Amino acid sequence: MNPFRYRRLRKRGLFPYFDGRKERWGDPLAISRKLLHESPVVLANIGPFVDEAKEPETTQFVEAVASAFGVKRWNAETETGLTDEEIKHLVLVFMDFLDGLKKKPSPGQI
């Protein structure tokens, strides 16, 4: 990737992530809205079940996260997409990214 494009996208506050084929950049507010308000399940309520790998909560969690980020789940036939563990990790990285944004002092747009 062009380093100038990378810096420009990073400066705009976009979230970089891998979708199984290429690196993508997402609007953190739009992703958060999809995770919190447009998801068919309340992710915070099923989080403990996901940690214990209980079904059907884990599948519901992975499907909701994949939908929010616009990624595909792993398909063995085509060998494309992200594994369920990679999708769960994507949420953790995204939460760390949001924490970093909260702590970063920004003067705002001028």
N, C-alpha and C. Protein backbone atom coordinates (compact mmCIF):
# COMPACT_ATOMS: atom_id res chain seq x y z
N MET A 1 0.83 -1.17 0.00
CA MET A 1 0.00 0.00 0.00
C MET A 1 0.88 1.24 0.00
N ASN A 2 0.44 2.22 -0.71
CA ASN A 2 1.13 3.50 -0.77
C ASN A 2 1.22 4.10 0.64
N PRO A 3 2.43 4.42 1.13
CA PRO A 3 2.55 4.94 2.50
C PRO A 3 1.83 6.27 2.71
N PHE A 4 1.73 7.09 1.67
CA PHE A 4 1.02 8.35 1.80
C PHE A 4 -0.48 8.12 1.96
N ARG A 5 -1.01 7.16 1.22
CA ARG A 5 -2.43 6.82 1.34
C ARG A 5 -2.72 6.25 2.73
N TYR A 6 -1.80 5.41 3.22
CA TYR A 6 -1.96 4.80 4.54
C TYR A 6 -2.02 5.89 5.61
N ARG A 7 -1.10 6.85 5.57
CA ARG A 7 -1.09 7.93 6.55
C ARG A 7 -2.34 8.79 6.46
N ARG A 8 -2.80 9.05 5.25
CA ARG A 8 -3.99 9.87 5.06
C ARG A 8 -5.22 9.17 5.65
N LEU A 9 -5.36 7.87 5.38
CA LEU A 9 -6.50 7.14 5.92
C LEU A 9 -6.41 7.01 7.44
N ARG A 10 -5.18 6.80 7.95
CA ARG A 10 -4.99 6.70 9.40
C ARG A 10 -5.33 8.03 10.06
N LYS A 11 -4.92 9.13 9.45
CA LYS A 11 -5.18 10.46 10.00
C LYS A 11 -6.68 10.75 10.05
N ARG A 12 -7.43 10.20 9.11
CA ARG A 12 -8.88 10.41 9.09
C ARG A 12 -9.59 9.61 10.17
N GLY A 13 -8.86 8.73 10.85
CA GLY A 13 -9.46 7.97 11.94
C GLY A 13 -10.17 6.71 11.51
N LEU A 14 -9.87 6.22 10.32
CA LEU A 14 -10.50 5.00 9.84
C LEU A 14 -9.82 3.78 10.45
N PHE A 15 -10.58 2.71 10.61
CA PHE A 15 -10.08 1.48 11.22
C PHE A 15 -9.60 0.51 10.15
N PRO A 16 -8.31 0.11 10.19
CA PRO A 16 -7.81 -0.85 9.20
C PRO A 16 -8.02 -2.28 9.69
N TYR A 17 -8.48 -3.15 8.78
CA TYR A 17 -8.62 -4.56 9.12
C TYR A 17 -8.53 -5.41 7.86
N PHE A 18 -8.22 -6.69 8.06
CA PHE A 18 -8.05 -7.64 6.96
C PHE A 18 -9.35 -8.42 6.80
N ASP A 19 -9.87 -8.51 5.59
CA ASP A 19 -11.14 -9.19 5.36
C ASP A 19 -11.00 -10.62 4.84
N GLY A 20 -9.77 -11.13 4.81
CA GLY A 20 -9.54 -12.48 4.29
C GLY A 20 -8.90 -12.45 2.91
N ARG A 21 -9.01 -11.31 2.22
CA ARG A 21 -8.40 -11.14 0.90
C ARG A 21 -7.49 -9.93 0.84
N LYS A 22 -7.93 -8.84 1.45
CA LYS A 22 -7.18 -7.59 1.36
C LYS A 22 -7.43 -6.75 2.60
N GLU A 23 -6.63 -5.71 2.76
CA GLU A 23 -6.84 -4.80 3.88
C GLU A 23 -7.93 -3.81 3.51
N ARG A 24 -8.82 -3.59 4.45
CA ARG A 24 -9.92 -2.65 4.26
C ARG A 24 -9.85 -1.58 5.34
N TRP A 25 -10.55 -0.49 5.10
CA TRP A 25 -10.62 0.61 6.05
C TRP A 25 -12.09 0.88 6.32
N GLY A 26 -12.46 0.92 7.60
CA GLY A 26 -13.86 1.13 7.93
C GLY A 26 -14.07 2.34 8.83
N ASP A 27 -15.22 2.93 8.71
CA ASP A 27 -15.62 4.04 9.56
C ASP A 27 -15.99 3.47 10.93
N PRO A 28 -15.25 3.84 11.98
CA PRO A 28 -15.51 3.27 13.30
C PRO A 28 -16.93 3.54 13.81
N LEU A 29 -17.48 4.70 13.51
CA LEU A 29 -18.83 5.01 13.98
C LEU A 29 -19.86 4.11 13.30
N ALA A 30 -19.71 3.88 12.01
CA ALA A 30 -20.64 3.02 11.28
C ALA A 30 -20.54 1.58 11.77
N ILE A 31 -19.31 1.11 12.02
CA ILE A 31 -19.12 -0.25 12.51
C ILE A 31 -19.73 -0.39 13.90
N SER A 32 -19.50 0.59 14.77
CA SER A 32 -20.07 0.57 16.12
C SER A 32 -21.59 0.55 16.07
N ARG A 33 -22.16 1.36 15.20
CA ARG A 33 -23.62 1.41 15.07
C ARG A 33 -24.16 0.05 14.64
N LYS A 34 -23.49 -0.60 13.71
CA LYS A 34 -23.94 -1.92 13.27
C LYS A 34 -23.82 -2.95 14.38
N LEU A 35 -22.73 -2.88 15.14
CA LEU A 35 -22.53 -3.84 16.23
C LEU A 35 -23.54 -3.64 17.36
N LEU A 36 -23.80 -2.38 17.71
CA LEU A 36 -24.62 -2.10 18.88
C LEU A 36 -26.12 -1.99 18.60
N HIS A 37 -26.48 -1.45 17.44
CA HIS A 37 -27.89 -1.15 17.22
C HIS A 37 -28.55 -1.93 16.09
N GLU A 38 -27.78 -2.39 15.13
CA GLU A 38 -28.37 -3.09 13.99
C GLU A 38 -28.19 -4.60 14.08
N SER A 39 -27.53 -5.07 15.12
CA SER A 39 -27.29 -6.48 15.29
C SER A 39 -28.57 -7.18 15.79
N PRO A 40 -28.86 -8.37 15.29
CA PRO A 40 -30.06 -9.08 15.74
C PRO A 40 -29.95 -9.59 17.18
N VAL A 41 -28.73 -9.63 17.73
CA VAL A 41 -28.52 -10.07 19.11
C VAL A 41 -27.78 -8.97 19.87
N VAL A 42 -27.93 -8.97 21.18
CA VAL A 42 -27.20 -8.02 22.02
C VAL A 42 -25.85 -8.66 22.33
N LEU A 43 -24.80 -8.15 21.70
CA LEU A 43 -23.50 -8.78 21.80
C LEU A 43 -22.96 -8.81 23.22
N ALA A 44 -23.25 -7.78 24.00
CA ALA A 44 -22.76 -7.73 25.39
C ALA A 44 -23.37 -8.85 26.23
N ASN A 45 -24.60 -9.23 25.92
CA ASN A 45 -25.27 -10.28 26.69
C ASN A 45 -24.75 -11.67 26.37
N ILE A 46 -24.30 -11.89 25.16
CA ILE A 46 -23.84 -13.24 24.80
C ILE A 46 -22.33 -13.38 24.86
N GLY A 47 -21.62 -12.29 25.21
CA GLY A 47 -20.17 -12.34 25.33
C GLY A 47 -19.65 -13.44 26.24
N PRO A 48 -20.21 -13.58 27.46
CA PRO A 48 -19.73 -14.65 28.34
C PRO A 48 -19.92 -16.04 27.75
N PHE A 49 -20.99 -16.25 26.99
CA PHE A 49 -21.22 -17.55 26.37
C PHE A 49 -20.21 -17.82 25.26
N VAL A 50 -19.81 -16.75 24.58
CA VAL A 50 -18.81 -16.87 23.51
C VAL A 50 -17.46 -17.24 24.10
N ASP A 51 -17.12 -16.65 25.25
CA ASP A 51 -15.86 -16.98 25.92
C ASP A 51 -15.79 -18.47 26.27
N GLU A 52 -16.94 -19.07 26.56
CA GLU A 52 -17.00 -20.48 26.90
C GLU A 52 -17.28 -21.36 25.68
N ALA A 53 -17.38 -20.75 24.49
CA ALA A 53 -17.63 -21.44 23.22
C ALA A 53 -18.93 -22.24 23.24
N LYS A 54 -19.97 -21.66 23.83
CA LYS A 54 -21.27 -22.32 23.86
C LYS A 54 -22.05 -21.97 22.60
N GLU A 55 -22.84 -22.92 22.16
CA GLU A 55 -23.69 -22.72 20.99
C GLU A 55 -25.13 -22.56 21.44
N PRO A 56 -25.95 -21.85 20.74
CA PRO A 56 -25.79 -21.16 19.46
C PRO A 56 -25.25 -19.74 19.59
N GLU A 57 -24.93 -19.32 20.82
CA GLU A 57 -24.50 -17.94 21.04
C GLU A 57 -23.23 -17.57 20.28
N THR A 58 -22.27 -18.52 20.23
CA THR A 58 -21.02 -18.23 19.53
C THR A 58 -21.28 -18.00 18.04
N THR A 59 -22.10 -18.83 17.45
CA THR A 59 -22.43 -18.66 16.02
C THR A 59 -23.16 -17.35 15.78
N GLN A 60 -24.09 -17.00 16.66
CA GLN A 60 -24.81 -15.73 16.52
C GLN A 60 -23.85 -14.55 16.62
N PHE A 61 -22.91 -14.62 17.56
CA PHE A 61 -21.93 -13.57 17.75
C PHE A 61 -21.06 -13.40 16.50
N VAL A 62 -20.53 -14.51 16.00
CA VAL A 62 -19.64 -14.47 14.83
C VAL A 62 -20.39 -13.94 13.62
N GLU A 63 -21.63 -14.37 13.42
CA GLU A 63 -22.40 -13.89 12.27
C GLU A 63 -22.70 -12.40 12.37
N ALA A 64 -23.02 -11.92 13.58
CA ALA A 64 -23.30 -10.49 13.76
C ALA A 64 -22.06 -9.65 13.51
N VAL A 65 -20.92 -10.10 14.00
CA VAL A 65 -19.67 -9.36 13.80
C VAL A 65 -19.26 -9.37 12.33
N ALA A 66 -19.38 -10.52 11.69
CA ALA A 66 -19.03 -10.62 10.27
C ALA A 66 -19.91 -9.68 9.44
N SER A 67 -21.18 -9.61 9.78
CA SER A 67 -22.09 -8.71 9.07
C SER A 67 -21.71 -7.25 9.29
N ALA A 68 -21.36 -6.88 10.53
CA ALA A 68 -21.02 -5.50 10.84
C ALA A 68 -19.77 -5.04 10.10
N PHE A 69 -18.80 -5.93 9.97
CA PHE A 69 -17.55 -5.57 9.30
C PHE A 69 -17.59 -5.86 7.80
N GLY A 70 -18.62 -6.54 7.35
CA GLY A 70 -18.72 -6.86 5.92
C GLY A 70 -17.73 -7.90 5.47
N VAL A 71 -17.41 -8.85 6.36
CA VAL A 71 -16.47 -9.92 6.01
C VAL A 71 -17.23 -11.23 5.87
N LYS A 72 -16.64 -12.17 5.18
CA LYS A 72 -17.22 -13.49 4.99
C LYS A 72 -16.59 -14.46 5.97
N ARG A 73 -17.38 -15.42 6.42
CA ARG A 73 -16.84 -16.49 7.26
C ARG A 73 -16.07 -17.47 6.38
N TRP A 74 -15.17 -18.21 6.99
CA TRP A 74 -14.29 -19.14 6.28
C TRP A 74 -15.10 -20.13 5.48
N ASN A 75 -14.74 -20.30 4.21
CA ASN A 75 -15.35 -21.28 3.32
C ASN A 75 -14.23 -22.22 2.88
N ALA A 76 -14.30 -23.47 3.28
CA ALA A 76 -13.24 -24.43 3.00
C ALA A 76 -13.13 -24.74 1.51
N GLU A 77 -14.24 -24.70 0.79
CA GLU A 77 -14.21 -25.01 -0.64
C GLU A 77 -13.44 -23.96 -1.43
N THR A 78 -13.71 -22.70 -1.15
CA THR A 78 -13.04 -21.63 -1.88
C THR A 78 -11.79 -21.13 -1.17
N GLU A 79 -11.62 -21.57 0.09
CA GLU A 79 -10.49 -21.15 0.92
C GLU A 79 -10.41 -19.62 1.02
N THR A 80 -11.56 -19.00 1.26
CA THR A 80 -11.63 -17.55 1.43
C THR A 80 -12.38 -17.23 2.71
N GLY A 81 -12.20 -16.03 3.18
CA GLY A 81 -12.90 -15.56 4.37
C GLY A 81 -12.05 -15.66 5.62
N LEU A 82 -12.64 -15.32 6.73
CA LEU A 82 -11.97 -15.35 8.02
C LEU A 82 -12.52 -16.49 8.87
N THR A 83 -11.65 -17.10 9.64
CA THR A 83 -12.11 -18.15 10.56
C THR A 83 -12.90 -17.49 11.69
N ASP A 84 -13.64 -18.29 12.41
CA ASP A 84 -14.43 -17.75 13.53
C ASP A 84 -13.52 -17.11 14.56
N GLU A 85 -12.36 -17.70 14.82
CA GLU A 85 -11.42 -17.13 15.79
C GLU A 85 -10.89 -15.78 15.30
N GLU A 86 -10.62 -15.66 14.00
CA GLU A 86 -10.15 -14.39 13.45
C GLU A 86 -11.24 -13.31 13.56
N ILE A 87 -12.49 -13.71 13.39
CA ILE A 87 -13.60 -12.76 13.50
C ILE A 87 -13.75 -12.30 14.94
N LYS A 88 -13.62 -13.24 15.90
CA LYS A 88 -13.68 -12.84 17.31
C LYS A 88 -12.51 -11.92 17.66
N HIS A 89 -11.35 -12.19 17.10
CA HIS A 89 -10.18 -11.34 17.35
C HIS A 89 -10.38 -9.95 16.74
N LEU A 90 -11.08 -9.87 15.62
CA LEU A 90 -11.36 -8.60 14.97
C LEU A 90 -12.09 -7.65 15.91
N VAL A 91 -13.03 -8.17 16.69
CA VAL A 91 -13.76 -7.34 17.65
C VAL A 91 -12.82 -6.82 18.73
N LEU A 92 -11.93 -7.66 19.22
CA LEU A 92 -10.99 -7.24 20.26
C LEU A 92 -10.07 -6.13 19.75
N VAL A 93 -9.57 -6.28 18.54
CA VAL A 93 -8.71 -5.25 17.95
C VAL A 93 -9.49 -3.96 17.75
N PHE A 94 -10.74 -4.09 17.34
CA PHE A 94 -11.58 -2.90 17.13
C PHE A 94 -11.83 -2.18 18.45
N MET A 95 -12.08 -2.92 19.52
CA MET A 95 -12.29 -2.30 20.83
C MET A 95 -11.03 -1.58 21.31
N ASP A 96 -9.86 -2.18 21.08
CA ASP A 96 -8.60 -1.51 21.41
C ASP A 96 -8.44 -0.22 20.60
N PHE A 97 -8.81 -0.28 19.33
CA PHE A 97 -8.74 0.90 18.46
C PHE A 97 -9.63 2.02 19.01
N LEU A 98 -10.86 1.67 19.42
CA LEU A 98 -11.77 2.67 19.97
C LEU A 98 -11.24 3.25 21.28
N ASP A 99 -10.64 2.41 22.12
CA ASP A 99 -10.05 2.91 23.37
C ASP A 99 -8.93 3.90 23.07
N GLY A 100 -8.14 3.61 22.04
CA GLY A 100 -7.08 4.53 21.65
C GLY A 100 -7.62 5.86 21.16
N LEU A 101 -8.74 5.82 20.45
CA LEU A 101 -9.35 7.07 19.98
C LEU A 101 -9.86 7.90 21.15
N LYS A 102 -10.40 7.24 22.16
CA LYS A 102 -10.94 7.96 23.32
C LYS A 102 -9.82 8.66 24.09
N LYS A 103 -8.66 8.03 24.16
CA LYS A 103 -7.55 8.57 24.94
C LYS A 103 -6.72 9.59 24.17
N LYS A 104 -6.88 9.61 22.86
CA LYS A 104 -6.07 10.49 22.02
C LYS A 104 -6.64 11.90 22.02
N PRO A 105 -5.86 12.87 22.48
CA PRO A 105 -6.38 14.24 22.44
C PRO A 105 -6.41 14.75 21.00
N SER A 106 -7.54 15.24 20.60
CA SER A 106 -7.69 15.74 19.25
C SER A 106 -8.26 17.15 19.29
N PRO A 107 -7.64 18.06 18.58
CA PRO A 107 -8.18 19.43 18.57
C PRO A 107 -9.47 19.54 17.75
N GLY A 108 -9.82 18.49 17.01
CA GLY A 108 -11.01 18.55 16.17
C GLY A 108 -10.71 19.21 14.84
N GLN A 109 -11.70 19.27 14.01
CA GLN A 109 -11.52 19.89 12.70
C GLN A 109 -11.51 21.40 12.84
N ILE A 110 -10.73 22.01 12.00
CA ILE A 110 -10.65 23.47 12.03
C ILE A 110 -11.31 24.02 10.79
